[in-house]
C-alpha atoms as a PDB file:
ATOM      1  CA  UNK A   1      91.612 137.017 107.501  1.00  0.00           C
ATOM      2  CA  UNK A   2      93.230 139.444 109.486  1.00  0.00           C
ATOM      3  CA  UNK A   3      93.684 139.407 113.273  1.00  0.00           C
ATOM      4  CA  UNK A   4      91.339 141.579 114.318  1.00  0.00           C
ATOM      5  CA  UNK A   5      88.680 139.523 112.107  1.00  0.00           C
ATOM      6  CA  UNK A   6      89.948 136.311 113.892  1.00  0.00           C
ATOM      7  CA  UNK A   7      89.324 137.867 117.398  1.00  0.00           C
ATOM      8  CA  UNK A   8      85.919 139.177 116.366  1.00  0.00           C
ATOM      9  CA  UNK A   9      84.881 136.052 114.880  1.00  0.00           C
ATOM     10  CA  UNK A  10      86.067 134.220 118.130  1.00  0.00           C
ATOM     11  CA  UNK A  11      84.173 136.843 120.282  1.00  0.00           C
ATOM     12  CA  UNK A  12      81.146 135.835 117.940  1.00  0.00           C
ATOM     13  CA  UNK A  13      81.803 132.147 118.873  1.00  0.00           C
ATOM     14  CA  UNK A  14      82.077 132.795 122.563  1.00  0.00           C
ATOM     15  CA  UNK A  15      78.435 134.284 122.249  1.00  0.00           C
ATOM     16  CA  UNK A  16      77.103 131.311 120.305  1.00  0.00           C
ATOM     17  CA  UNK A  17      78.672 129.228 122.787  1.00  0.00           C
ATOM     18  CA  UNK A  18      77.374 131.098 126.028  1.00  0.00           C
ATOM     19  CA  UNK A  19      73.904 130.585 124.444  1.00  0.00           C
ATOM     20  CA  UNK A  20      74.266 126.702 124.282  1.00  0.00           C
ATOM     21  CA  UNK A  21      75.769 126.414 127.464  1.00  0.00           C
ATOM     22  CA  UNK A  22      72.966 128.466 128.852  1.00  0.00           C
ATOM     23  CA  UNK A  23      70.588 125.391 127.832  1.00  0.00           C
ATOM     24  CA  UNK A  24      72.288 123.351 130.403  1.00  0.00           C
ATOM     25  CA  UNK A  25      72.121 120.345 127.978  1.00  0.00           C
ATOM     26  CA  UNK A  26      75.562 120.672 125.938  1.00  0.00           C
ATOM     27  CA  UNK A  27      79.160 120.259 127.295  1.00  0.00           C
ATOM     28  CA  UNK A  28      80.554 123.534 126.097  1.00  0.00           C
ATOM     29  CA  UNK A  29      83.857 123.092 128.119  1.00  0.00           C
ATOM     30  CA  UNK A  30      84.423 119.716 126.064  1.00  0.00           C
ATOM     31  CA  UNK A  31      83.503 121.530 122.621  1.00  0.00           C
ATOM     32  CA  UNK A  32      86.086 124.044 123.668  1.00  0.00           C
ATOM     33  CA  UNK A  33      88.540 121.382 124.931  1.00  0.00           C
ATOM     34  CA  UNK A  34      88.147 119.733 121.138  1.00  0.00           C
ATOM     35  CA  UNK A  35      88.847 123.195 119.532  1.00  0.00           C
ATOM     36  CA  UNK A  36      91.897 123.785 121.566  1.00  0.00           C
ATOM     37  CA  UNK A  37      93.154 120.320 120.733  1.00  0.00           C
ATOM     38  CA  UNK A  38      92.257 120.646 116.824  1.00  0.00           C
ATOM     39  CA  UNK A  39      94.247 124.382 116.953  1.00  0.00           C
ATOM     40  CA  UNK A  40      97.002 123.073 119.186  1.00  0.00           C
ATOM     41  CA  UNK A  41      97.521 119.865 116.895  1.00  0.00           C
ATOM     42  CA  UNK A  42      97.311 122.084 113.457  1.00  0.00           C
ATOM     43  CA  UNK A  43      99.480 124.565 114.932  1.00  0.00           C
ATOM     44  CA  UNK A  44     102.339 121.431 115.446  1.00  0.00           C
ATOM     45  CA  UNK A  45     101.551 120.360 112.043  1.00  0.00           C
ATOM     46  CA  UNK A  46     101.764 123.843 109.902  1.00  0.00           C
ATOM     47  CA  UNK A  47     104.593 124.787 112.155  1.00  0.00           C
ATOM     48  CA  UNK A  48     107.297 122.676 113.500  1.00  0.00           C
ATOM     49  CA  UNK A  49     106.563 119.320 111.503  1.00  0.00           C
ATOM     50  CA  UNK A  50     106.373 121.179 108.192  1.00  0.00           C
ATOM     51  CA  UNK A  51     109.259 123.666 108.869  1.00  0.00           C
ATOM     52  CA  UNK A  52     111.510 120.407 109.617  1.00  0.00           C
ATOM     53  CA  UNK A  53     110.426 118.633 106.560  1.00  0.00           C
ATOM     54  CA  UNK A  54     112.807 118.301 103.868  1.00  0.00           C
ATOM     55  CA  UNK A  55     110.111 119.682 101.538  1.00  0.00           C
ATOM     56  CA  UNK A  56     108.249 122.578 103.276  1.00  0.00           C
ATOM     57  CA  UNK A  57     105.055 121.351 101.440  1.00  0.00           C
ATOM     58  CA  UNK A  58     102.030 120.663 103.889  1.00  0.00           C
ATOM     59  CA  UNK A  59     100.582 118.451 101.061  1.00  0.00           C
ATOM     60  CA  UNK A  60     103.731 116.274 101.150  1.00  0.00           C
ATOM     61  CA  UNK A  61     104.241 116.251 104.951  1.00  0.00           C
ATOM     62  CA  UNK A  62     102.789 113.420 106.908  1.00  0.00           C
ATOM     63  CA  UNK A  63     102.169 113.037 110.737  1.00  0.00           C
ATOM     64  CA  UNK A  64     103.018 109.869 112.258  1.00  0.00           C
ATOM     65  CA  UNK A  65     102.517 108.249 115.921  1.00  0.00           C
ATOM     66  CA  UNK A  66     105.414 107.438 117.667  1.00  0.00           C
ATOM     67  CA  UNK A  67     104.084 103.748 118.165  1.00  0.00           C
ATOM     68  CA  UNK A  68     101.100 102.839 115.916  1.00  0.00           C
ATOM     69  CA  UNK A  69      98.422 100.841 117.400  1.00  0.00           C
ATOM     70  CA  UNK A  70      97.493  97.670 116.123  1.00  0.00           C
ATOM     71  CA  UNK A  71      94.347  96.342 114.702  1.00  0.00           C
ATOM     72  CA  UNK A  72      92.049  95.166 117.542  1.00  0.00           C
ATOM     73  CA  UNK A  73      93.606  97.546 120.232  1.00  0.00           C
ATOM     74  CA  UNK A  74      92.129 100.360 121.706  1.00  0.00           C
ATOM     75  CA  UNK A  75      93.455 103.938 121.764  1.00  0.00           C
ATOM     76  CA  UNK A  76      92.159 107.154 123.133  1.00  0.00           C
ATOM     77  CA  UNK A  77      90.968 109.496 120.983  1.00  0.00           C
ATOM     78  CA  UNK A  78      89.866 113.223 120.655  1.00  0.00           C
ATOM     79  CA  UNK A  79      86.766 112.691 118.623  1.00  0.00           C
ATOM     80  CA  UNK A  80      86.147 116.827 119.207  1.00  0.00           C
ATOM     81  CA  UNK A  81      82.962 118.479 119.148  1.00  0.00           C
ATOM     82  CA  UNK A  82      80.117 116.931 117.762  1.00  0.00           C
ATOM     83  CA  UNK A  83      76.202 117.518 116.761  1.00  0.00           C
ATOM     84  CA  UNK A  84      73.490 116.422 118.992  1.00  0.00           C
ATOM     85  CA  UNK A  85      73.782 112.774 118.545  1.00  0.00           C
ATOM     86  CA  UNK A  86      77.247 112.088 117.668  1.00  0.00           C
ATOM     87  CA  UNK A  87      79.783 111.072 120.061  1.00  0.00           C
ATOM     88  CA  UNK A  88      82.333 113.859 121.046  1.00  0.00           C
ATOM     89  CA  UNK A  89      85.211 114.554 123.138  1.00  0.00           C
ATOM     90  CA  UNK A  90      87.868 112.256 124.279  1.00  0.00           C
ATOM     91  CA  UNK A  91      86.431 108.282 124.206  1.00  0.00           C
ATOM     92  CA  UNK A  92      88.463 104.695 124.251  1.00  0.00           C
ATOM     93  CA  UNK A  93      88.183 103.565 120.514  1.00  0.00           C
ATOM     94  CA  UNK A  94      88.771 100.274 118.745  1.00  0.00           C
ATOM     95  CA  UNK A  95      90.994 100.059 116.011  1.00  0.00           C
ATOM     96  CA  UNK A  96      89.204  98.540 112.769  1.00  0.00           C
ATOM     97  CA  UNK A  97      92.000  99.408 110.477  1.00  0.00           C
ATOM     98  CA  UNK A  98      95.333 101.185 109.929  1.00  0.00           C
ATOM     99  CA  UNK A  99      94.902 103.417 106.761  1.00  0.00           C
ATOM    100  CA  UNK A 100      98.483 104.973 106.732  1.00  0.00           C
ATOM    101  CA  UNK A 101      97.798 108.599 107.724  1.00  0.00           C
ATOM    102  CA  UNK A 102      94.394 107.548 109.275  1.00  0.00           C
ATOM    103  CA  UNK A 103      92.723 105.195 111.331  1.00  0.00           C
ATOM    104  CA  UNK A 104      89.287 103.529 110.991  1.00  0.00           C
ATOM    105  CA  UNK A 105      87.834 103.491 114.640  1.00  0.00           C
ATOM    106  CA  UNK A 106      84.848 102.410 116.461  1.00  0.00           C
ATOM    107  CA  UNK A 107      84.196 105.013 119.601  1.00  0.00           C
ATOM    108  CA  UNK A 108      83.451 103.181 122.940  1.00  0.00           C
ATOM    109  CA  UNK A 109      81.544 104.118 126.154  1.00  0.00           C
ATOM    110  CA  UNK A 110      81.597 102.574 129.559  1.00  0.00           C
ATOM    111  CA  UNK A 111      78.636 100.291 130.441  1.00  0.00           C
ATOM    112  CA  UNK A 112      76.970 101.701 133.701  1.00  0.00           C
ATOM    113  CA  UNK A 113      74.538 100.060 135.655  1.00  0.00           C
ATOM    114  CA  UNK A 114      71.430 102.024 134.233  1.00  0.00           C
ATOM    115  CA  UNK A 115      73.036 101.536 130.725  1.00  0.00           C
ATOM    116  CA  UNK A 116      70.764  98.547 129.789  1.00  0.00           C
ATOM    117  CA  UNK A 117      71.222  96.037 126.929  1.00  0.00           C
ATOM    118  CA  UNK A 118      73.557  96.896 123.787  1.00  0.00           C
ATOM    119  CA  UNK A 119      70.975  97.981 121.150  1.00  0.00           C
ATOM    120  CA  UNK A 120      71.874  95.480 118.347  1.00  0.00           C
ATOM    121  CA  UNK A 121      72.785  95.754 115.413  1.00  0.00           C
ATOM    122  CA  UNK A 122      74.279  99.416 116.306  1.00  0.00           C
ATOM    123  CA  UNK A 123      76.191  98.578 119.650  1.00  0.00           C
ATOM    124  CA  UNK A 124      78.420  95.583 121.280  1.00  0.00           C
ATOM    125  CA  UNK A 125      79.586  94.928 124.691  1.00  0.00           C
ATOM    126  CA  UNK A 126      83.310  93.927 124.535  1.00  0.00           C
ATOM    127  CA  UNK A 127      85.685  92.740 127.474  1.00  0.00           C
ATOM    128  CA  UNK A 128      88.500  94.983 127.511  1.00  0.00           C
ATOM    129  CA  UNK A 129      90.164  93.083 130.185  1.00  0.00           C
ATOM    130  CA  UNK A 130      91.061  93.739 133.788  1.00  0.00           C
ATOM    131  CA  UNK A 131      87.183  93.441 134.671  1.00  0.00           C
ATOM    132  CA  UNK A 132      86.181  96.170 132.340  1.00  0.00           C
ATOM    133  CA  UNK A 133      83.459  96.346 129.980  1.00  0.00           C
ATOM    134  CA  UNK A 134      82.789  98.614 127.170  1.00  0.00           C
ATOM    135  CA  UNK A 135      80.012  99.273 124.633  1.00  0.00           C
ATOM    136  CA  UNK A 136      81.152  99.847 121.135  1.00  0.00           C
ATOM    137  CA  UNK A 137      79.116 102.180 118.985  1.00  0.00           C
ATOM    138  CA  UNK A 138      79.111 100.951 115.311  1.00  0.00           C
ATOM    139  CA  UNK A 139      76.817 103.941 114.621  1.00  0.00           C
ATOM    140  CA  UNK A 140      79.921 106.672 115.504  1.00  0.00           C
ATOM    141  CA  UNK A 141      82.414 104.333 113.239  1.00  0.00           C
ATOM    142  CA  UNK A 142      84.670 107.172 111.581  1.00  0.00           C
ATOM    143  CA  UNK A 143      87.809 107.593 109.957  1.00  0.00           C
ATOM    144  CA  UNK A 144      90.382 109.851 111.815  1.00  0.00           C
ATOM    145  CA  UNK A 145      93.740 111.385 111.502  1.00  0.00           C
ATOM    146  CA  UNK A 146      96.266 110.057 113.864  1.00  0.00           C
ATOM    147  CA  UNK A 147      96.654 113.416 115.304  1.00  0.00           C
ATOM    148  CA  UNK A 148      93.427 112.945 117.089  1.00  0.00           C
ATOM    149  CA  UNK A 149      95.258 110.266 119.063  1.00  0.00           C
ATOM    150  CA  UNK A 150      96.174 111.012 122.582  1.00  0.00           C
ATOM    151  CA  UNK A 151      99.350 108.949 122.951  1.00  0.00           C
ATOM    152  CA  UNK A 152     100.401 109.305 126.459  1.00  0.00           C
ATOM    153  CA  UNK A 153      97.339 107.268 127.321  1.00  0.00           C
ATOM    154  CA  UNK A 154      98.926 104.322 125.789  1.00  0.00           C
ATOM    155  CA  UNK A 155      96.932 101.425 123.891  1.00  0.00           C
ATOM    156  CA  UNK A 156      95.127  98.762 125.472  1.00  0.00           C
ATOM    157  CA  UNK A 157      94.342  95.255 124.369  1.00  0.00           C
ATOM    158  CA  UNK A 158      90.727  93.677 123.696  1.00  0.00           C
ATOM    159  CA  UNK A 159      89.805  90.590 125.057  1.00  0.00           C
ATOM    160  CA  UNK A 160      86.842  89.866 123.115  1.00  0.00           C
ATOM    161  CA  UNK A 161      87.930  87.843 120.189  1.00  0.00           C
ATOM    162  CA  UNK A 162      88.335  89.982 117.208  1.00  0.00           C
ATOM    163  CA  UNK A 163      86.163  87.498 114.943  1.00  0.00           C
ATOM    164  CA  UNK A 164      83.192  88.248 117.343  1.00  0.00           C
ATOM    165  CA  UNK A 165      83.788  91.857 116.784  1.00  0.00           C
ATOM    166  CA  UNK A 166      84.284  91.333 113.124  1.00  0.00           C
ATOM    167  CA  UNK A 167      80.961  89.630 112.863  1.00  0.00           C
ATOM    168  CA  UNK A 168      78.925  92.108 114.612  1.00  0.00           C
ATOM    169  CA  UNK A 169      80.358  94.695 112.449  1.00  0.00           C
ATOM    170  CA  UNK A 170      79.522  92.524 109.364  1.00  0.00           C
ATOM    171  CA  UNK A 171      75.905  92.273 110.596  1.00  0.00           C
ATOM    172  CA  UNK A 172      75.766  95.905 111.162  1.00  0.00           C
ATOM    173  CA  UNK A 173      76.985  96.773 107.940  1.00  0.00           C
ATOM    174  CA  UNK A 174      74.710  94.519 106.243  1.00  0.00           C
ATOM    175  CA  UNK A 175      77.643  92.385 104.461  1.00  0.00           C
END
């Protein structure tokens, strides 16, 4: 794709984004933030990371975090844009499994006074420590590339026992 086509395509995307913004029902700023994050991380991967690798072959280059989170910790993840009922934008996420270059995560949301009870088996309220509660959304669980993790936020421990979370996850999965 030539530079002119890229600019024209982004102009067309801008028109679509404005139409979505005009509905007043979708956070287009978060969508743009997610796209910026995606482009920045991919420019890093296909630029300096591949250039500094012993073999300049993107299929043989891997990104890793400076410090990997442990299973049963929370990481701050930029989930990117999403469809209507998908969780999107940055969220704290529970680490279910470290899959090498990817993490299996369960996104969390904060619990507000008007949130109501967790919708079992799709959600589980957990103790994040320091008096904070979070709501896990099993129905938004996914595998993500580690490049989505925003490391500067650090990692947080979870006070709810891992066995309780695993039991709820097994119930949700029907295992």
